Structures are given as structure tokens and as C-alpha cells.
């Protein structure tokens, strides 16, 4: 997927989304925050793309999609189009002039996601259905950490640091949303999360 198309996908998902819980409930507020985050990263991605910073645009769109998909999975957001969860790769070549920026950001997001995955735990009792949701979110983030690592090390073919960054950013969005809505609790570095 091209970076601009990722922004279009995020925009389409936001426009076809609505908050599921009733107004004036805590879950309504949590769902609203998820949509706010997705909108903020859609805007940031557009600003970065317009300024020629494809690296930060890519990370912004993937992160926003992670937040939104986590909210849909948790049942806080309803999406009227059948887009499904975002499992795409970034197949856009980042300009050579941004190569060092891409390498640095990909490495940093790899380290951050690795720390974030090991720095959360389910917030609910093991017998609660929310416990299963927490472990699912942690598994999804862990899978994207693994997939991103494969791209970063060249095991997945191609030169795809951009796909590595995509996976790291997307997985991170899932974890961050899980913490924000209270499915996950922070056991590690709180600075890694948007709380």
C-alpha cells in the first residue's frame, strides 16, 4: 500500500465509524478518545506528507489505524464499511534523502514497541471476558513486533524498512488504545503510553 492510500484508508474508516456505547457513559468517552486520536494522526500524517516527510506520514497513518482497529475490536467503535482490520504492508519506496531518518525511526519504534509489549498486562481478572480481549491485543501487538522485525532484518524480502515501521507503528497503536480504554494496565515505563 502506498502512504497516501494508507491515509485515505484511515480517513474512510474514521468517516464510516461511530461510537457504540451510550452517551454519558465512561465507555462512550473512551470511544470518543479513540476517534480523536485517529483523527489527530490522520491530520499529522497529512501535514507530514505535504511537507515531504514520508517517514513520519507512514508512522502516523499506521498508528492511527492501530488505535481505530483496537477500538473496533473492543466493541467501542462501529464501522459501517466492511474494511476489516488493517493487515497491509507499505510498498512505497521512501526517498533516499530520508533513508537515515527511516532507519533511525524504525529502530526507535522497534525498541519502543518491544518495551511496550513487555510493559503491559491484562487489567482484568482472568475469568473476565475483557481478560481475553487484553491478551488478544497483546498478541496482536506482539505479532506486529515480530513481523516488523522480519522486515527490518530483511527476512521478509525486499528492502522494506518502511514495512517494518508500518508494523511497529500499527502494533503500538493497538497497545496504546488498550491502555487508554483500560483493558491493559501499565507494568513498565508509563512514558511509553498515551495516558
C-alpha atoms as a PDB file:
ATOM      1  CA  UNK A   1       0.000   0.000   0.000  1.00  0.00           C
ATOM      2  CA  UNK A   2       1.215   3.492  -0.794  1.00  0.00           C
ATOM      3  CA  UNK A   3       1.461   6.011   2.032  1.00  0.00           C
ATOM      4  CA  UNK A   4      -1.189   8.319   0.587  1.00  0.00           C
ATOM      5  CA  UNK A   5      -3.531   5.331   0.204  1.00  0.00           C
ATOM      6  CA  UNK A   6      -2.962   4.498   3.875  1.00  0.00           C
ATOM      7  CA  UNK A   7      -4.122   7.998   4.741  1.00  0.00           C
ATOM      8  CA  UNK A   8      -7.179   7.525   2.521  1.00  0.00           C
ATOM      9  CA  UNK A   9      -7.932   4.224   4.262  1.00  0.00           C
ATOM     10  CA  UNK A  10      -7.663   5.818   7.709  1.00  0.00           C
ATOM     11  CA  UNK A  11      -9.942   8.663   6.595  1.00  0.00           C
ATOM     12  CA  UNK A  12     -12.506   6.222   5.147  1.00  0.00           C
ATOM     13  CA  UNK A  13     -12.516   4.134   8.331  1.00  0.00           C
ATOM     14  CA  UNK A  14     -12.958   7.214  10.521  1.00  0.00           C
ATOM     15  CA  UNK A  15     -15.777   8.574   8.351  1.00  0.00           C
ATOM     16  CA  UNK A  16     -17.608   5.235   8.483  1.00  0.00           C
ATOM     17  CA  UNK A  17     -17.146   4.857  12.244  1.00  0.00           C
ATOM     18  CA  UNK A  18     -19.439   5.737  15.091  1.00  0.00           C
ATOM     19  CA  UNK A  19     -19.311   5.411  18.847  1.00  0.00           C
ATOM     20  CA  UNK A  20     -21.127   2.300  20.088  1.00  0.00           C
ATOM     21  CA  UNK A  21     -21.660   2.877  23.854  1.00  0.00           C
ATOM     22  CA  UNK A  22     -24.426   5.242  25.020  1.00  0.00           C
ATOM     23  CA  UNK A  23     -23.621   8.894  25.628  1.00  0.00           C
ATOM     24  CA  UNK A  24     -22.627   9.992  29.124  1.00  0.00           C
ATOM     25  CA  UNK A  25     -21.021   6.640  29.905  1.00  0.00           C
ATOM     26  CA  UNK A  26     -17.310   6.072  30.581  1.00  0.00           C
ATOM     27  CA  UNK A  27     -17.051   3.799  27.556  1.00  0.00           C
ATOM     28  CA  UNK A  28     -18.569   6.495  25.341  1.00  0.00           C
ATOM     29  CA  UNK A  29     -15.807   8.834  26.481  1.00  0.00           C
ATOM     30  CA  UNK A  30     -13.138   6.154  25.835  1.00  0.00           C
ATOM     31  CA  UNK A  31     -14.516   5.559  22.330  1.00  0.00           C
ATOM     32  CA  UNK A  32     -14.503   9.291  21.668  1.00  0.00           C
ATOM     33  CA  UNK A  33     -10.848   9.462  22.665  1.00  0.00           C
ATOM     34  CA  UNK A  34     -10.027   6.670  20.220  1.00  0.00           C
ATOM     35  CA  UNK A  35     -11.668   8.557  17.371  1.00  0.00           C
ATOM     36  CA  UNK A  36      -9.913  11.775  18.478  1.00  0.00           C
ATOM     37  CA  UNK A  37      -6.550  10.012  18.370  1.00  0.00           C
ATOM     38  CA  UNK A  38      -7.258   8.540  14.934  1.00  0.00           C
ATOM     39  CA  UNK A  39      -8.276  11.985  13.653  1.00  0.00           C
ATOM     40  CA  UNK A  40      -5.159  13.598  15.155  1.00  0.00           C
ATOM     41  CA  UNK A  41      -2.884  11.088  13.440  1.00  0.00           C
ATOM     42  CA  UNK A  42      -4.777  11.436  10.158  1.00  0.00           C
ATOM     43  CA  UNK A  43      -4.134  15.177  10.350  1.00  0.00           C
ATOM     44  CA  UNK A  44      -0.500  14.733  11.370  1.00  0.00           C
ATOM     45  CA  UNK A  45       0.067  12.253   8.560  1.00  0.00           C
ATOM     46  CA  UNK A  46      -1.346  14.694   6.007  1.00  0.00           C
ATOM     47  CA  UNK A  47       0.844  17.507   7.316  1.00  0.00           C
ATOM     48  CA  UNK A  48       3.936  15.294   7.169  1.00  0.00           C
ATOM     49  CA  UNK A  49       3.094  14.072   3.679  1.00  0.00           C
ATOM     50  CA  UNK A  50       2.584  17.611   2.376  1.00  0.00           C
ATOM     51  CA  UNK A  51       5.966  18.648   3.788  1.00  0.00           C
ATOM     52  CA  UNK A  52       7.731  15.703   2.110  1.00  0.00           C
ATOM     53  CA  UNK A  53       8.265  13.674   5.285  1.00  0.00           C
ATOM     54  CA  UNK A  54       7.002  10.284   4.119  1.00  0.00           C
ATOM     55  CA  UNK A  55       8.584   8.565   7.132  1.00  0.00           C
ATOM     56  CA  UNK A  56       6.505  10.389   9.743  1.00  0.00           C
ATOM     57  CA  UNK A  57       3.418  10.274   7.493  1.00  0.00           C
ATOM     58  CA  UNK A  58       3.699   6.493   7.291  1.00  0.00           C
ATOM     59  CA  UNK A  59       4.130   6.145  11.065  1.00  0.00           C
ATOM     60  CA  UNK A  60       1.205   8.496  11.749  1.00  0.00           C
ATOM     61  CA  UNK A  61      -1.246   6.706   9.474  1.00  0.00           C
ATOM     62  CA  UNK A  62      -0.279   3.245  10.758  1.00  0.00           C
ATOM     63  CA  UNK A  63      -0.513   4.370  14.382  1.00  0.00           C
ATOM     64  CA  UNK A  64      -3.935   5.967  13.818  1.00  0.00           C
ATOM     65  CA  UNK A  65      -5.181   2.798  12.122  1.00  0.00           C
ATOM     66  CA  UNK A  66      -3.927   0.749  15.073  1.00  0.00           C
ATOM     67  CA  UNK A  67      -5.879   2.910  17.502  1.00  0.00           C
ATOM     68  CA  UNK A  68      -9.044   2.729  15.427  1.00  0.00           C
ATOM     69  CA  UNK A  69      -8.832  -1.011  14.784  1.00  0.00           C
ATOM     70  CA  UNK A  70      -8.312  -1.672  18.511  1.00  0.00           C
ATOM     71  CA  UNK A  71     -11.426   0.382  19.280  1.00  0.00           C
ATOM     72  CA  UNK A  72     -13.428  -1.574  16.697  1.00  0.00           C
ATOM     73  CA  UNK A  73     -12.140  -4.862  18.103  1.00  0.00           C
ATOM     74  CA  UNK A  74     -13.070  -3.812  21.659  1.00  0.00           C
ATOM     75  CA  UNK A  75     -16.624  -3.020  20.542  1.00  0.00           C
ATOM     76  CA  UNK A  76     -16.362   0.684  21.330  1.00  0.00           C
ATOM     77  CA  UNK A  77     -16.443   1.750  17.678  1.00  0.00           C
ATOM     78  CA  UNK A  78     -18.802   0.531  14.957  1.00  0.00           C
ATOM     79  CA  UNK A  79     -17.596   0.716  11.365  1.00  0.00           C
ATOM     80  CA  UNK A  80     -20.294   0.663   8.684  1.00  0.00           C
ATOM     81  CA  UNK A  81     -17.984  -0.401   5.870  1.00  0.00           C
ATOM     82  CA  UNK A  82     -16.590  -3.892   5.825  1.00  0.00           C
ATOM     83  CA  UNK A  83     -12.953  -2.874   5.630  1.00  0.00           C
ATOM     84  CA  UNK A  84     -11.716  -5.248   8.322  1.00  0.00           C
ATOM     85  CA  UNK A  85      -8.535  -4.864  10.310  1.00  0.00           C
ATOM     86  CA  UNK A  86      -5.539  -3.351   8.622  1.00  0.00           C
ATOM     87  CA  UNK A  87      -3.024  -6.052   7.720  1.00  0.00           C
ATOM     88  CA  UNK A  88      -1.361  -4.266   4.848  1.00  0.00           C
ATOM     89  CA  UNK A  89       2.295  -3.706   4.049  1.00  0.00           C
ATOM     90  CA  UNK A  90       3.842  -0.454   2.920  1.00  0.00           C
ATOM     91  CA  UNK A  91       5.205  -0.974  -0.570  1.00  0.00           C
ATOM     92  CA  UNK A  92       6.259   2.603  -1.173  1.00  0.00           C
ATOM     93  CA  UNK A  93       9.937   3.329  -1.572  1.00  0.00           C
ATOM     94  CA  UNK A  94      10.989   6.106   0.775  1.00  0.00           C
ATOM     95  CA  UNK A  95      13.250   8.647  -0.986  1.00  0.00           C
ATOM     96  CA  UNK A  96      16.981   8.077  -0.445  1.00  0.00           C
ATOM     97  CA  UNK A  97      17.251  11.502   1.160  1.00  0.00           C
ATOM     98  CA  UNK A  98      15.074  10.187   4.018  1.00  0.00           C
ATOM     99  CA  UNK A  99      16.962   6.900   4.355  1.00  0.00           C
ATOM    100  CA  UNK A 100      18.738   7.767   7.613  1.00  0.00           C
ATOM    101  CA  UNK A 101      15.525   9.194   9.071  1.00  0.00           C
ATOM    102  CA  UNK A 102      13.679   5.980   8.155  1.00  0.00           C
ATOM    103  CA  UNK A 103      16.415   3.801   9.660  1.00  0.00           C
ATOM    104  CA  UNK A 104      16.528   5.806  12.906  1.00  0.00           C
ATOM    105  CA  UNK A 105      12.758   5.965  13.354  1.00  0.00           C
ATOM    106  CA  UNK A 106      12.271   2.293  12.527  1.00  0.00           C
ATOM    107  CA  UNK A 107      14.918   1.273  15.049  1.00  0.00           C
ATOM    108  CA  UNK A 108      13.467   3.587  17.697  1.00  0.00           C
ATOM    109  CA  UNK A 109       9.901   2.328  17.156  1.00  0.00           C
ATOM    110  CA  UNK A 110      11.164  -1.256  17.289  1.00  0.00           C
ATOM    111  CA  UNK A 111      12.743  -0.606  20.700  1.00  0.00           C
ATOM    112  CA  UNK A 112       9.694   1.307  21.939  1.00  0.00           C
ATOM    113  CA  UNK A 113       7.207  -1.375  20.855  1.00  0.00           C
ATOM    114  CA  UNK A 114       9.405  -4.099  22.330  1.00  0.00           C
ATOM    115  CA  UNK A 115       9.431  -2.258  25.673  1.00  0.00           C
ATOM    116  CA  UNK A 116       5.704  -1.503  25.450  1.00  0.00           C
ATOM    117  CA  UNK A 117       4.764  -5.139  24.740  1.00  0.00           C
ATOM    118  CA  UNK A 118       6.683  -6.271  27.814  1.00  0.00           C
ATOM    119  CA  UNK A 119       5.406  -3.309  29.850  1.00  0.00           C
ATOM    120  CA  UNK A 120       1.694  -4.123  29.918  1.00  0.00           C
ATOM    121  CA  UNK A 121      -0.547  -6.753  31.476  1.00  0.00           C
ATOM    122  CA  UNK A 122      -4.257  -7.518  31.365  1.00  0.00           C
ATOM    123  CA  UNK A 123      -6.092  -5.135  33.690  1.00  0.00           C
ATOM    124  CA  UNK A 124      -8.943  -7.504  34.496  1.00  0.00           C
ATOM    125  CA  UNK A 125      -9.445 -10.793  36.303  1.00  0.00           C
ATOM    126  CA  UNK A 126      -8.606 -13.960  34.343  1.00  0.00           C
ATOM    127  CA  UNK A 127     -12.258 -15.020  34.371  1.00  0.00           C
ATOM    128  CA  UNK A 128     -13.469 -11.792  32.766  1.00  0.00           C
ATOM    129  CA  UNK A 129     -14.157 -11.690  29.004  1.00  0.00           C
ATOM    130  CA  UNK A 130     -12.103  -8.490  28.988  1.00  0.00           C
ATOM    131  CA  UNK A 131      -9.074 -10.564  30.031  1.00  0.00           C
ATOM    132  CA  UNK A 132      -9.285 -12.399  26.705  1.00  0.00           C
ATOM    133  CA  UNK A 133      -9.506  -9.063  24.879  1.00  0.00           C
ATOM    134  CA  UNK A 134      -6.386  -7.884  26.716  1.00  0.00           C
ATOM    135  CA  UNK A 135      -4.404 -10.966  25.773  1.00  0.00           C
ATOM    136  CA  UNK A 136      -5.631 -10.662  22.169  1.00  0.00           C
ATOM    137  CA  UNK A 137      -4.448  -7.046  21.991  1.00  0.00           C
ATOM    138  CA  UNK A 138      -1.087  -8.011  23.461  1.00  0.00           C
ATOM    139  CA  UNK A 139      -0.812 -10.886  20.948  1.00  0.00           C
ATOM    140  CA  UNK A 140      -1.668  -8.599  18.029  1.00  0.00           C
ATOM    141  CA  UNK A 141       0.983  -6.099  19.102  1.00  0.00           C
ATOM    142  CA  UNK A 142       3.472  -8.943  19.576  1.00  0.00           C
ATOM    143  CA  UNK A 143       2.750 -10.317  16.101  1.00  0.00           C
ATOM    144  CA  UNK A 144       3.364  -6.901  14.571  1.00  0.00           C
ATOM    145  CA  UNK A 145       6.603  -6.625  16.538  1.00  0.00           C
ATOM    146  CA  UNK A 146       7.703  -9.972  15.086  1.00  0.00           C
ATOM    147  CA  UNK A 147       6.604  -9.116  11.545  1.00  0.00           C
ATOM    148  CA  UNK A 148       8.246  -5.710  11.707  1.00  0.00           C
ATOM    149  CA  UNK A 149      11.455  -7.301  12.966  1.00  0.00           C
ATOM    150  CA  UNK A 150      11.423  -9.660   9.997  1.00  0.00           C
ATOM    151  CA  UNK A 151      11.157  -6.776   7.572  1.00  0.00           C
ATOM    152  CA  UNK A 152      13.767  -4.765   9.422  1.00  0.00           C
ATOM    153  CA  UNK A 153      16.252  -7.637   9.215  1.00  0.00           C
ATOM    154  CA  UNK A 154      15.408  -8.412   5.588  1.00  0.00           C
ATOM    155  CA  UNK A 155      13.899 -11.850   6.305  1.00  0.00           C
ATOM    156  CA  UNK A 156      10.590 -10.881   4.686  1.00  0.00           C
ATOM    157  CA  UNK A 157      12.123  -9.933   1.353  1.00  0.00           C
ATOM    158  CA  UNK A 158      12.567  -6.547  -0.235  1.00  0.00           C
ATOM    159  CA  UNK A 159      14.269  -3.601   1.325  1.00  0.00           C
ATOM    160  CA  UNK A 160      11.347  -2.863   3.482  1.00  0.00           C
ATOM    161  CA  UNK A 161      12.234  -0.713   6.432  1.00  0.00           C
ATOM    162  CA  UNK A 162       9.027   1.093   5.524  1.00  0.00           C
ATOM    163  CA  UNK A 163       7.018  -2.113   6.134  1.00  0.00           C
ATOM    164  CA  UNK A 164       8.902  -2.638   9.402  1.00  0.00           C
ATOM    165  CA  UNK A 165       7.971   0.869  10.541  1.00  0.00           C
ATOM    166  CA  UNK A 166       4.373   0.219   9.436  1.00  0.00           C
ATOM    167  CA  UNK A 167       4.125  -2.884  11.630  1.00  0.00           C
ATOM    168  CA  UNK A 168       5.809  -1.282  14.641  1.00  0.00           C
ATOM    169  CA  UNK A 169       3.576   1.811  14.487  1.00  0.00           C
ATOM    170  CA  UNK A 170       0.374  -0.160  13.893  1.00  0.00           C
ATOM    171  CA  UNK A 171       1.051  -2.611  16.728  1.00  0.00           C
ATOM    172  CA  UNK A 172       1.925   0.257  19.030  1.00  0.00           C
ATOM    173  CA  UNK A 173      -1.438   1.896  18.277  1.00  0.00           C
ATOM    174  CA  UNK A 174      -3.220  -1.265  19.452  1.00  0.00           C
ATOM    175  CA  UNK A 175      -1.327  -1.308  22.756  1.00  0.00           C
ATOM    176  CA  UNK A 176      -1.775   2.395  23.364  1.00  0.00           C
ATOM    177  CA  UNK A 177      -5.517   2.154  22.758  1.00  0.00           C
ATOM    178  CA  UNK A 178      -5.740  -0.889  25.032  1.00  0.00           C
ATOM    179  CA  UNK A 179      -4.139   1.088  27.845  1.00  0.00           C
ATOM    180  CA  UNK A 180      -6.286   4.166  27.218  1.00  0.00           C
ATOM    181  CA  UNK A 181      -9.548   2.232  27.379  1.00  0.00           C
ATOM    182  CA  UNK A 182      -8.500   0.304  30.479  1.00  0.00           C
ATOM    183  CA  UNK A 183      -8.156  -3.192  29.022  1.00  0.00           C
ATOM    184  CA  UNK A 184      -4.403  -3.159  29.704  1.00  0.00           C
ATOM    185  CA  UNK A 185      -2.525  -1.857  32.717  1.00  0.00           C
ATOM    186  CA  UNK A 186       1.000  -0.461  32.564  1.00  0.00           C
ATOM    187  CA  UNK A 187       3.580  -2.549  34.390  1.00  0.00           C
ATOM    188  CA  UNK A 188       6.617  -0.896  32.800  1.00  0.00           C
ATOM    189  CA  UNK A 189       7.561   2.587  31.620  1.00  0.00           C
ATOM    190  CA  UNK A 190       4.479   4.844  31.701  1.00  0.00           C
ATOM    191  CA  UNK A 191       6.200   7.309  29.351  1.00  0.00           C
ATOM    192  CA  UNK A 192       5.722   4.811  26.508  1.00  0.00           C
ATOM    193  CA  UNK A 193       1.941   5.239  26.581  1.00  0.00           C
ATOM    194  CA  UNK A 194      -0.607   7.967  25.895  1.00  0.00           C
ATOM    195  CA  UNK A 195      -2.280   8.142  29.299  1.00  0.00           C
END
